[in-house]
């Protein structure tokens, strides 16, 4: 239920296909990544996943789940850094080179 609360069948299949095309061949890791993705979409129900690899399945080259997790960590670190910078600038006058966009203040 937890998977289908946040993804359609097609979206789940596309997500798994994407991970496979990124080079992941470990089905257990792909299932884990799918469930983690569903959790990130605020799924609250119980989840389980089973993948069956059919003959002729295509796998790409790349870092697979490890690559996805590295990208996610880098994005989280960038967001954290951005929040720190914004926090440091609160209460300060805007930079002299800042332009005002028409219609906003």
N, C-alpha and C. Protein backbone atom coordinates (compact mmCIF):
# COMPACT_ATOMS: atom_id res chain seq x y z
N UNK A 1 0.82 -1.20 0.00
CA UNK A 1 0.00 0.00 0.00
C UNK A 1 0.86 1.26 0.00
N UNK A 2 1.94 1.27 0.76
CA UNK A 2 2.75 2.47 0.89
C UNK A 2 3.37 2.94 -0.40
N UNK A 3 3.73 2.00 -1.27
CA UNK A 3 4.30 2.37 -2.57
C UNK A 3 3.21 3.01 -3.42
N UNK A 4 2.06 2.35 -3.47
CA UNK A 4 0.98 2.78 -4.37
C UNK A 4 0.25 4.01 -3.87
N UNK A 5 0.46 4.39 -2.62
CA UNK A 5 -0.11 5.64 -2.12
C UNK A 5 0.58 6.85 -2.74
N UNK A 6 1.84 6.70 -3.14
CA UNK A 6 2.61 7.84 -3.63
C UNK A 6 3.07 7.69 -5.08
N UNK A 7 3.01 6.49 -5.64
CA UNK A 7 3.43 6.26 -7.02
C UNK A 7 2.38 5.45 -7.77
N UNK A 8 2.25 5.74 -9.05
CA UNK A 8 1.44 4.88 -9.90
C UNK A 8 2.29 3.69 -10.31
N UNK A 9 1.67 2.68 -10.91
CA UNK A 9 2.44 1.54 -11.42
C UNK A 9 3.52 2.01 -12.39
N UNK A 10 3.13 2.90 -13.29
CA UNK A 10 4.07 3.39 -14.30
C UNK A 10 5.23 4.15 -13.66
N UNK A 11 4.93 4.99 -12.67
CA UNK A 11 5.99 5.75 -12.00
C UNK A 11 6.96 4.82 -11.27
N UNK A 12 6.44 3.79 -10.61
CA UNK A 12 7.30 2.83 -9.92
C UNK A 12 8.19 2.10 -10.91
N UNK A 13 7.61 1.65 -12.02
CA UNK A 13 8.39 0.96 -13.05
C UNK A 13 9.45 1.87 -13.64
N UNK A 14 9.09 3.11 -13.91
CA UNK A 14 10.06 4.07 -14.46
C UNK A 14 11.19 4.33 -13.48
N UNK A 15 10.88 4.40 -12.20
CA UNK A 15 11.92 4.64 -11.20
C UNK A 15 12.90 3.47 -11.17
N UNK A 16 12.37 2.25 -11.13
CA UNK A 16 13.23 1.06 -11.11
C UNK A 16 14.05 1.00 -12.39
N UNK A 17 13.43 1.28 -13.52
CA UNK A 17 14.15 1.26 -14.81
C UNK A 17 15.29 2.28 -14.79
N UNK A 18 15.02 3.45 -14.25
CA UNK A 18 16.06 4.49 -14.18
C UNK A 18 17.26 4.02 -13.36
N UNK A 19 16.98 3.40 -12.22
CA UNK A 19 18.07 2.92 -11.37
C UNK A 19 18.87 1.84 -12.09
N UNK A 20 18.18 0.95 -12.79
CA UNK A 20 18.87 -0.09 -13.55
C UNK A 20 19.73 0.52 -14.65
N UNK A 21 19.21 1.53 -15.34
CA UNK A 21 19.97 2.16 -16.41
C UNK A 21 21.15 2.97 -15.89
N UNK A 22 21.11 3.30 -14.60
CA UNK A 22 22.26 3.97 -13.98
C UNK A 22 23.34 2.97 -13.57
N UNK A 23 23.10 1.68 -13.85
CA UNK A 23 24.13 0.69 -13.64
C UNK A 23 23.93 -0.24 -12.46
N UNK A 24 22.84 -0.10 -11.71
CA UNK A 24 22.65 -0.97 -10.54
C UNK A 24 22.16 -2.34 -10.98
N UNK A 25 22.83 -3.38 -10.48
CA UNK A 25 22.43 -4.76 -10.80
C UNK A 25 21.97 -5.52 -9.57
N UNK A 26 22.13 -4.94 -8.39
CA UNK A 26 21.72 -5.59 -7.15
C UNK A 26 20.24 -5.28 -6.90
N UNK A 27 19.39 -6.30 -7.08
CA UNK A 27 17.95 -6.09 -6.95
C UNK A 27 17.55 -5.67 -5.54
N UNK A 28 18.26 -6.16 -4.54
CA UNK A 28 17.97 -5.77 -3.16
C UNK A 28 18.17 -4.28 -2.95
N UNK A 29 19.26 -3.75 -3.51
CA UNK A 29 19.52 -2.31 -3.39
C UNK A 29 18.50 -1.49 -4.16
N UNK A 30 18.07 -2.01 -5.30
CA UNK A 30 17.05 -1.29 -6.08
C UNK A 30 15.74 -1.23 -5.29
N UNK A 31 15.36 -2.35 -4.68
CA UNK A 31 14.14 -2.36 -3.85
C UNK A 31 14.27 -1.36 -2.70
N UNK A 32 15.42 -1.38 -2.05
CA UNK A 32 15.66 -0.47 -0.92
C UNK A 32 15.56 0.98 -1.37
N UNK A 33 16.15 1.28 -2.52
CA UNK A 33 16.10 2.65 -3.05
C UNK A 33 14.68 3.05 -3.41
N UNK A 34 13.92 2.14 -3.99
CA UNK A 34 12.52 2.42 -4.31
C UNK A 34 11.73 2.76 -3.05
N UNK A 35 11.92 1.97 -2.01
CA UNK A 35 11.19 2.21 -0.76
C UNK A 35 11.64 3.51 -0.10
N UNK A 36 12.95 3.79 -0.15
CA UNK A 36 13.44 5.07 0.39
C UNK A 36 12.83 6.25 -0.37
N UNK A 37 12.72 6.09 -1.68
CA UNK A 37 12.11 7.14 -2.50
C UNK A 37 10.66 7.36 -2.09
N UNK A 38 9.92 6.29 -1.89
CA UNK A 38 8.52 6.40 -1.45
C UNK A 38 8.43 7.09 -0.09
N UNK A 39 9.35 6.77 0.81
CA UNK A 39 9.37 7.44 2.12
C UNK A 39 9.61 8.94 1.96
N UNK A 40 10.49 9.30 1.01
CA UNK A 40 10.78 10.72 0.79
C UNK A 40 9.56 11.46 0.25
N UNK A 41 8.61 10.72 -0.32
CA UNK A 41 7.37 11.31 -0.82
C UNK A 41 6.27 11.28 0.25
N UNK A 42 6.66 10.99 1.49
CA UNK A 42 5.77 10.96 2.65
C UNK A 42 4.80 9.79 2.69
N UNK A 43 5.22 8.65 2.16
CA UNK A 43 4.41 7.45 2.31
C UNK A 43 4.43 7.05 3.78
N UNK A 44 3.29 6.69 4.32
CA UNK A 44 3.19 6.35 5.74
C UNK A 44 2.76 4.91 5.96
N UNK A 45 2.41 4.20 4.92
CA UNK A 45 1.90 2.84 5.06
C UNK A 45 3.06 1.85 4.95
N UNK A 46 2.78 0.60 5.30
CA UNK A 46 3.82 -0.43 5.20
C UNK A 46 4.14 -0.69 3.73
N UNK A 47 5.40 -1.07 3.46
CA UNK A 47 5.84 -1.27 2.08
C UNK A 47 6.70 -2.52 1.98
N UNK A 48 6.59 -3.17 0.87
CA UNK A 48 7.51 -4.24 0.50
C UNK A 48 7.60 -4.24 -1.01
N UNK A 49 8.71 -4.74 -1.52
CA UNK A 49 8.90 -4.77 -2.97
C UNK A 49 9.68 -6.02 -3.34
N UNK A 50 9.32 -6.61 -4.44
CA UNK A 50 10.03 -7.76 -5.01
C UNK A 50 10.25 -7.45 -6.48
N UNK A 51 11.48 -7.56 -6.92
CA UNK A 51 11.78 -7.35 -8.33
C UNK A 51 12.18 -8.68 -8.96
N UNK A 52 11.70 -8.90 -10.14
CA UNK A 52 12.05 -10.10 -10.91
C UNK A 52 12.75 -9.62 -12.17
N UNK A 53 13.97 -10.09 -12.37
CA UNK A 53 14.73 -9.71 -13.56
C UNK A 53 14.43 -10.72 -14.66
N UNK A 54 13.89 -10.22 -15.74
CA UNK A 54 13.59 -11.08 -16.88
C UNK A 54 14.78 -11.12 -17.83
N UNK A 55 14.89 -12.21 -18.54
CA UNK A 55 15.96 -12.35 -19.52
C UNK A 55 15.88 -11.20 -20.50
N UNK A 56 17.00 -10.62 -20.81
CA UNK A 56 17.05 -9.50 -21.73
C UNK A 56 16.93 -8.14 -21.06
N UNK A 57 16.84 -8.12 -19.75
CA UNK A 57 16.77 -6.84 -19.03
C UNK A 57 18.04 -6.04 -19.31
N UNK A 58 17.88 -4.75 -19.50
CA UNK A 58 19.04 -3.90 -19.80
C UNK A 58 19.51 -3.16 -18.56
N UNK A 59 20.80 -3.19 -18.38
CA UNK A 59 21.43 -2.45 -17.29
C UNK A 59 22.41 -1.47 -17.93
N UNK A 60 22.43 -0.27 -17.43
CA UNK A 60 23.35 0.72 -17.94
C UNK A 60 24.68 0.65 -17.21
N UNK A 61 25.48 1.65 -17.42
CA UNK A 61 26.75 1.74 -16.72
C UNK A 61 26.69 2.96 -15.81
N UNK A 62 27.33 2.86 -14.72
CA UNK A 62 27.34 3.97 -13.77
C UNK A 62 27.44 3.45 -12.36
N UNK A 63 27.16 4.32 -11.42
CA UNK A 63 27.30 3.99 -10.00
C UNK A 63 26.02 3.45 -9.37
N UNK A 64 24.94 3.38 -10.12
CA UNK A 64 23.70 2.82 -9.60
C UNK A 64 23.20 3.53 -8.36
N UNK A 65 22.79 2.75 -7.37
CA UNK A 65 22.24 3.30 -6.13
C UNK A 65 23.27 4.17 -5.42
N UNK A 66 24.53 3.75 -5.44
CA UNK A 66 25.58 4.55 -4.80
C UNK A 66 25.63 5.95 -5.41
N UNK A 67 25.53 6.03 -6.73
CA UNK A 67 25.53 7.33 -7.41
C UNK A 67 24.34 8.18 -7.02
N UNK A 68 23.16 7.55 -6.94
CA UNK A 68 21.95 8.27 -6.53
C UNK A 68 22.12 8.81 -5.12
N UNK A 69 22.66 8.00 -4.24
CA UNK A 69 22.82 8.44 -2.85
C UNK A 69 23.85 9.55 -2.73
N UNK A 70 24.92 9.49 -3.54
CA UNK A 70 25.91 10.56 -3.54
C UNK A 70 25.29 11.87 -4.02
N UNK A 71 24.47 11.79 -5.08
CA UNK A 71 23.79 12.98 -5.59
C UNK A 71 22.85 13.56 -4.53
N UNK A 72 22.13 12.69 -3.86
CA UNK A 72 21.18 13.13 -2.83
C UNK A 72 21.93 13.82 -1.68
N UNK A 73 23.04 13.23 -1.25
CA UNK A 73 23.83 13.83 -0.17
C UNK A 73 24.39 15.18 -0.59
N UNK A 74 24.86 15.28 -1.84
CA UNK A 74 25.40 16.55 -2.32
C UNK A 74 24.31 17.61 -2.36
N UNK A 75 23.11 17.24 -2.80
CA UNK A 75 22.00 18.20 -2.84
C UNK A 75 21.61 18.64 -1.44
N UNK A 76 21.59 17.71 -0.49
CA UNK A 76 21.25 18.06 0.89
C UNK A 76 22.31 18.97 1.49
N UNK A 77 23.57 18.70 1.19
CA UNK A 77 24.66 19.54 1.69
C UNK A 77 24.58 20.94 1.09
N UNK A 78 24.27 21.03 -0.21
CA UNK A 78 24.13 22.34 -0.85
C UNK A 78 22.97 23.12 -0.24
N UNK A 79 21.86 22.44 0.02
CA UNK A 79 20.70 23.10 0.62
C UNK A 79 21.04 23.59 2.03
N UNK A 80 21.75 22.76 2.78
CA UNK A 80 22.15 23.13 4.14
C UNK A 80 23.07 24.36 4.10
N UNK A 81 24.02 24.35 3.17
CA UNK A 81 24.95 25.47 3.04
C UNK A 81 24.21 26.74 2.64
N UNK A 82 23.24 26.60 1.73
CA UNK A 82 22.45 27.75 1.31
C UNK A 82 21.67 28.33 2.48
N UNK A 83 21.09 27.46 3.30
CA UNK A 83 20.33 27.92 4.47
C UNK A 83 21.25 28.63 5.46
N UNK A 84 22.48 28.12 5.61
CA UNK A 84 23.44 28.77 6.50
C UNK A 84 23.78 30.16 6.00
N UNK A 85 23.99 30.29 4.68
CA UNK A 85 24.33 31.59 4.11
C UNK A 85 23.18 32.57 4.25
N UNK A 86 21.96 32.11 4.01
CA UNK A 86 20.80 32.98 4.16
C UNK A 86 20.66 33.40 5.62
N UNK A 87 20.89 32.47 6.54
CA UNK A 87 20.81 32.78 7.97
C UNK A 87 21.84 33.82 8.38
N UNK A 88 23.02 33.78 7.78
CA UNK A 88 24.07 34.75 8.10
C UNK A 88 23.71 36.13 7.57
N UNK A 89 22.94 36.18 6.48
CA UNK A 89 22.63 37.45 5.84
C UNK A 89 21.36 38.10 6.38
N UNK A 90 20.58 37.39 7.17
CA UNK A 90 19.35 37.98 7.71
C UNK A 90 19.71 39.17 8.59
N UNK A 91 18.97 40.22 8.42
CA UNK A 91 19.21 41.42 9.20
C UNK A 91 20.25 42.34 8.59
N UNK A 92 20.92 41.91 7.54
CA UNK A 92 21.90 42.74 6.87
C UNK A 92 21.23 43.48 5.71
N UNK A 93 21.81 44.61 5.33
CA UNK A 93 21.32 45.33 4.15
C UNK A 93 21.63 44.50 2.91
N UNK A 94 20.75 44.57 1.89
CA UNK A 94 21.03 43.82 0.67
C UNK A 94 22.30 44.34 0.00
N UNK A 95 22.99 43.51 -0.74
CA UNK A 95 24.21 43.94 -1.43
C UNK A 95 23.91 45.10 -2.38
N UNK A 96 24.90 45.97 -2.61
CA UNK A 96 24.72 47.14 -3.47
C UNK A 96 24.39 46.77 -4.91
N UNK A 97 24.82 45.60 -5.35
CA UNK A 97 24.59 45.20 -6.74
C UNK A 97 23.28 44.42 -6.92
N UNK A 98 22.43 44.38 -5.89
CA UNK A 98 21.17 43.64 -5.98
C UNK A 98 20.15 44.49 -6.73
N UNK A 99 19.48 43.89 -7.70
CA UNK A 99 18.46 44.58 -8.48
C UNK A 99 17.08 44.22 -7.94
N UNK A 100 16.17 45.15 -8.00
CA UNK A 100 14.79 44.89 -7.61
C UNK A 100 14.03 44.44 -8.84
N UNK A 101 13.33 43.33 -8.73
CA UNK A 101 12.54 42.82 -9.84
C UNK A 101 11.22 43.58 -9.86
N UNK A 102 10.81 44.00 -11.03
CA UNK A 102 9.57 44.78 -11.17
C UNK A 102 8.41 44.03 -10.55
N UNK A 103 7.65 44.72 -9.72
CA UNK A 103 6.48 44.11 -9.11
C UNK A 103 6.77 43.43 -7.79
N UNK A 104 8.03 43.33 -7.38
CA UNK A 104 8.35 42.71 -6.08
C UNK A 104 9.11 43.71 -5.24
N UNK A 105 9.07 43.49 -3.93
CA UNK A 105 9.78 44.40 -3.05
C UNK A 105 10.53 43.64 -2.01
